[in-house]
């Protein structure tokens, strides 16, 4: 009987504490880094396959190859700024352009 009152009190206190626990708050998810828009400026050239283009980045010298519509042909051998998303699929990086802006009507020096 001595233990009945403290035991009952402990059980009630535990039940009250358990009932007060808040459900975990959903964390605000950051979009993956590869979905953030980025701009690459360089010389636009025709790719090796039909409907394929390449852009050599003026800053890094890295060449990005991507598929695009034929209307990009009017920008060939021009320095352009492509804005789009860098994608990383299975360790392979690619660029998905969304908009284009002419920087210069020519490509200069070794940037071709």
C-alpha atoms as a PDB file:
ATOM      1  CA  UNK A   1       0.000   0.000   0.000  1.00  0.00           C
ATOM      2  CA  UNK A   2       2.915   2.327   0.692  1.00  0.00           C
ATOM      3  CA  UNK A   3       4.040   1.930  -2.888  1.00  0.00           C
ATOM      4  CA  UNK A   4       0.622   2.276  -4.445  1.00  0.00           C
ATOM      5  CA  UNK A   5       0.354   6.072  -4.026  1.00  0.00           C
ATOM      6  CA  UNK A   6       3.871   6.875  -5.375  1.00  0.00           C
ATOM      7  CA  UNK A   7       3.420   4.342  -8.185  1.00  0.00           C
ATOM      8  CA  UNK A   8       0.081   5.860  -9.175  1.00  0.00           C
ATOM      9  CA  UNK A   9       1.552   9.357  -8.976  1.00  0.00           C
ATOM     10  CA  UNK A  10       4.518   8.308 -11.166  1.00  0.00           C
ATOM     11  CA  UNK A  11       2.228   6.752 -13.759  1.00  0.00           C
ATOM     12  CA  UNK A  12       0.030   9.850 -13.904  1.00  0.00           C
ATOM     13  CA  UNK A  13       3.057  12.125 -14.171  1.00  0.00           C
ATOM     14  CA  UNK A  14       4.514   9.981 -16.975  1.00  0.00           C
ATOM     15  CA  UNK A  15       1.212   9.963 -18.844  1.00  0.00           C
ATOM     16  CA  UNK A  16       0.923  13.748 -18.531  1.00  0.00           C
ATOM     17  CA  UNK A  17       4.483  14.254 -19.764  1.00  0.00           C
ATOM     18  CA  UNK A  18       3.948  11.879 -22.680  1.00  0.00           C
ATOM     19  CA  UNK A  19       0.757  13.707 -23.639  1.00  0.00           C
ATOM     20  CA  UNK A  20       2.620  17.033 -23.667  1.00  0.00           C
ATOM     21  CA  UNK A  21       5.163  15.948 -26.261  1.00  0.00           C
ATOM     22  CA  UNK A  22       4.781  17.919 -29.446  1.00  0.00           C
ATOM     23  CA  UNK A  23       4.849  16.208 -32.783  1.00  0.00           C
ATOM     24  CA  UNK A  24       8.067  16.925 -34.651  1.00  0.00           C
ATOM     25  CA  UNK A  25       7.856  20.161 -36.595  1.00  0.00           C
ATOM     26  CA  UNK A  26       8.291  19.715 -40.332  1.00  0.00           C
ATOM     27  CA  UNK A  27      11.622  21.174 -41.344  1.00  0.00           C
ATOM     28  CA  UNK A  28      11.691  23.668 -44.146  1.00  0.00           C
ATOM     29  CA  UNK A  29      13.339  21.856 -46.991  1.00  0.00           C
ATOM     30  CA  UNK A  30      15.990  23.594 -49.002  1.00  0.00           C
ATOM     31  CA  UNK A  31      15.797  22.897 -52.703  1.00  0.00           C
ATOM     32  CA  UNK A  32      18.697  20.775 -53.852  1.00  0.00           C
ATOM     33  CA  UNK A  33      21.678  22.822 -54.889  1.00  0.00           C
ATOM     34  CA  UNK A  34      21.481  21.511 -58.401  1.00  0.00           C
ATOM     35  CA  UNK A  35      18.074  23.114 -58.860  1.00  0.00           C
ATOM     36  CA  UNK A  36      19.277  26.664 -58.238  1.00  0.00           C
ATOM     37  CA  UNK A  37      19.601  28.866 -61.300  1.00  0.00           C
ATOM     38  CA  UNK A  38      23.094  29.773 -62.428  1.00  0.00           C
ATOM     39  CA  UNK A  39      24.444  31.802 -65.340  1.00  0.00           C
ATOM     40  CA  UNK A  40      27.295  30.619 -67.542  1.00  0.00           C
ATOM     41  CA  UNK A  41      28.879  33.021 -70.032  1.00  0.00           C
ATOM     42  CA  UNK A  42      30.887  31.758 -72.971  1.00  0.00           C
ATOM     43  CA  UNK A  43      31.051  30.854 -76.640  1.00  0.00           C
ATOM     44  CA  UNK A  44      28.126  28.847 -78.018  1.00  0.00           C
ATOM     45  CA  UNK A  45      29.067  26.137 -80.512  1.00  0.00           C
ATOM     46  CA  UNK A  46      27.354  23.244 -82.269  1.00  0.00           C
ATOM     47  CA  UNK A  47      27.678  19.902 -80.488  1.00  0.00           C
ATOM     48  CA  UNK A  48      28.752  16.640 -82.087  1.00  0.00           C
ATOM     49  CA  UNK A  49      25.208  15.229 -82.303  1.00  0.00           C
ATOM     50  CA  UNK A  50      22.088  16.675 -83.933  1.00  0.00           C
ATOM     51  CA  UNK A  51      20.272  19.111 -81.661  1.00  0.00           C
ATOM     52  CA  UNK A  52      23.287  19.335 -79.351  1.00  0.00           C
ATOM     53  CA  UNK A  53      25.147  22.495 -78.357  1.00  0.00           C
ATOM     54  CA  UNK A  54      28.172  23.268 -76.238  1.00  0.00           C
ATOM     55  CA  UNK A  55      29.168  26.308 -74.256  1.00  0.00           C
ATOM     56  CA  UNK A  56      32.713  26.902 -73.039  1.00  0.00           C
ATOM     57  CA  UNK A  57      32.618  28.869 -69.779  1.00  0.00           C
ATOM     58  CA  UNK A  58      34.758  32.038 -69.987  1.00  0.00           C
ATOM     59  CA  UNK A  59      35.630  31.869 -66.271  1.00  0.00           C
ATOM     60  CA  UNK A  60      36.462  28.196 -65.758  1.00  0.00           C
ATOM     61  CA  UNK A  61      37.171  26.936 -69.268  1.00  0.00           C
ATOM     62  CA  UNK A  62      34.754  24.077 -68.617  1.00  0.00           C
ATOM     63  CA  UNK A  63      32.619  23.021 -71.574  1.00  0.00           C
ATOM     64  CA  UNK A  64      28.945  22.207 -71.041  1.00  0.00           C
ATOM     65  CA  UNK A  65      27.109  20.113 -73.619  1.00  0.00           C
ATOM     66  CA  UNK A  66      23.316  20.161 -73.754  1.00  0.00           C
ATOM     67  CA  UNK A  67      20.363  19.554 -76.044  1.00  0.00           C
ATOM     68  CA  UNK A  68      18.503  22.568 -77.362  1.00  0.00           C
ATOM     69  CA  UNK A  69      16.061  23.785 -79.999  1.00  0.00           C
ATOM     70  CA  UNK A  70      17.196  24.798 -83.494  1.00  0.00           C
ATOM     71  CA  UNK A  71      16.536  28.451 -82.716  1.00  0.00           C
ATOM     72  CA  UNK A  72      19.832  28.392 -80.782  1.00  0.00           C
ATOM     73  CA  UNK A  73      21.566  28.201 -84.185  1.00  0.00           C
ATOM     74  CA  UNK A  74      21.158  31.985 -84.462  1.00  0.00           C
ATOM     75  CA  UNK A  75      23.471  32.326 -81.426  1.00  0.00           C
ATOM     76  CA  UNK A  76      26.246  30.044 -82.762  1.00  0.00           C
ATOM     77  CA  UNK A  77      29.753  31.515 -82.502  1.00  0.00           C
ATOM     78  CA  UNK A  78      28.432  34.310 -80.293  1.00  0.00           C
ATOM     79  CA  UNK A  79      29.385  34.981 -76.694  1.00  0.00           C
ATOM     80  CA  UNK A  80      26.188  34.368 -74.742  1.00  0.00           C
ATOM     81  CA  UNK A  81      25.023  34.201 -71.149  1.00  0.00           C
ATOM     82  CA  UNK A  82      22.933  31.095 -70.528  1.00  0.00           C
ATOM     83  CA  UNK A  83      20.881  30.947 -67.357  1.00  0.00           C
ATOM     84  CA  UNK A  84      19.690  27.557 -66.220  1.00  0.00           C
ATOM     85  CA  UNK A  85      20.198  24.719 -63.799  1.00  0.00           C
ATOM     86  CA  UNK A  86      23.189  22.520 -63.152  1.00  0.00           C
ATOM     87  CA  UNK A  87      22.022  18.953 -62.763  1.00  0.00           C
ATOM     88  CA  UNK A  88      23.905  16.089 -61.150  1.00  0.00           C
ATOM     89  CA  UNK A  89      22.444  12.770 -62.162  1.00  0.00           C
ATOM     90  CA  UNK A  90      24.392   9.754 -61.019  1.00  0.00           C
ATOM     91  CA  UNK A  91      27.644  11.677 -60.761  1.00  0.00           C
ATOM     92  CA  UNK A  92      27.306  13.091 -64.268  1.00  0.00           C
ATOM     93  CA  UNK A  93      26.884  16.868 -64.419  1.00  0.00           C
ATOM     94  CA  UNK A  94      24.851  18.526 -67.115  1.00  0.00           C
ATOM     95  CA  UNK A  95      23.443  21.978 -67.769  1.00  0.00           C
ATOM     96  CA  UNK A  96      19.785  22.647 -68.520  1.00  0.00           C
ATOM     97  CA  UNK A  97      19.509  26.163 -70.010  1.00  0.00           C
ATOM     98  CA  UNK A  98      16.327  28.165 -69.511  1.00  0.00           C
ATOM     99  CA  UNK A  99      17.178  31.533 -71.053  1.00  0.00           C
ATOM    100  CA  UNK A 100      19.833  33.054 -73.292  1.00  0.00           C
ATOM    101  CA  UNK A 101      21.203  36.567 -73.704  1.00  0.00           C
ATOM    102  CA  UNK A 102      23.733  37.780 -76.276  1.00  0.00           C
ATOM    103  CA  UNK A 103      26.868  39.282 -74.739  1.00  0.00           C
ATOM    104  CA  UNK A 104      28.798  39.727 -77.997  1.00  0.00           C
ATOM    105  CA  UNK A 105      28.212  38.831 -81.647  1.00  0.00           C
ATOM    106  CA  UNK A 106      31.603  37.100 -81.743  1.00  0.00           C
ATOM    107  CA  UNK A 107      33.659  34.664 -79.712  1.00  0.00           C
ATOM    108  CA  UNK A 108      37.106  35.959 -78.864  1.00  0.00           C
ATOM    109  CA  UNK A 109      40.527  34.326 -78.668  1.00  0.00           C
ATOM    110  CA  UNK A 110      40.850  30.726 -77.522  1.00  0.00           C
ATOM    111  CA  UNK A 111      37.329  30.587 -76.150  1.00  0.00           C
ATOM    112  CA  UNK A 112      36.004  28.834 -79.253  1.00  0.00           C
END
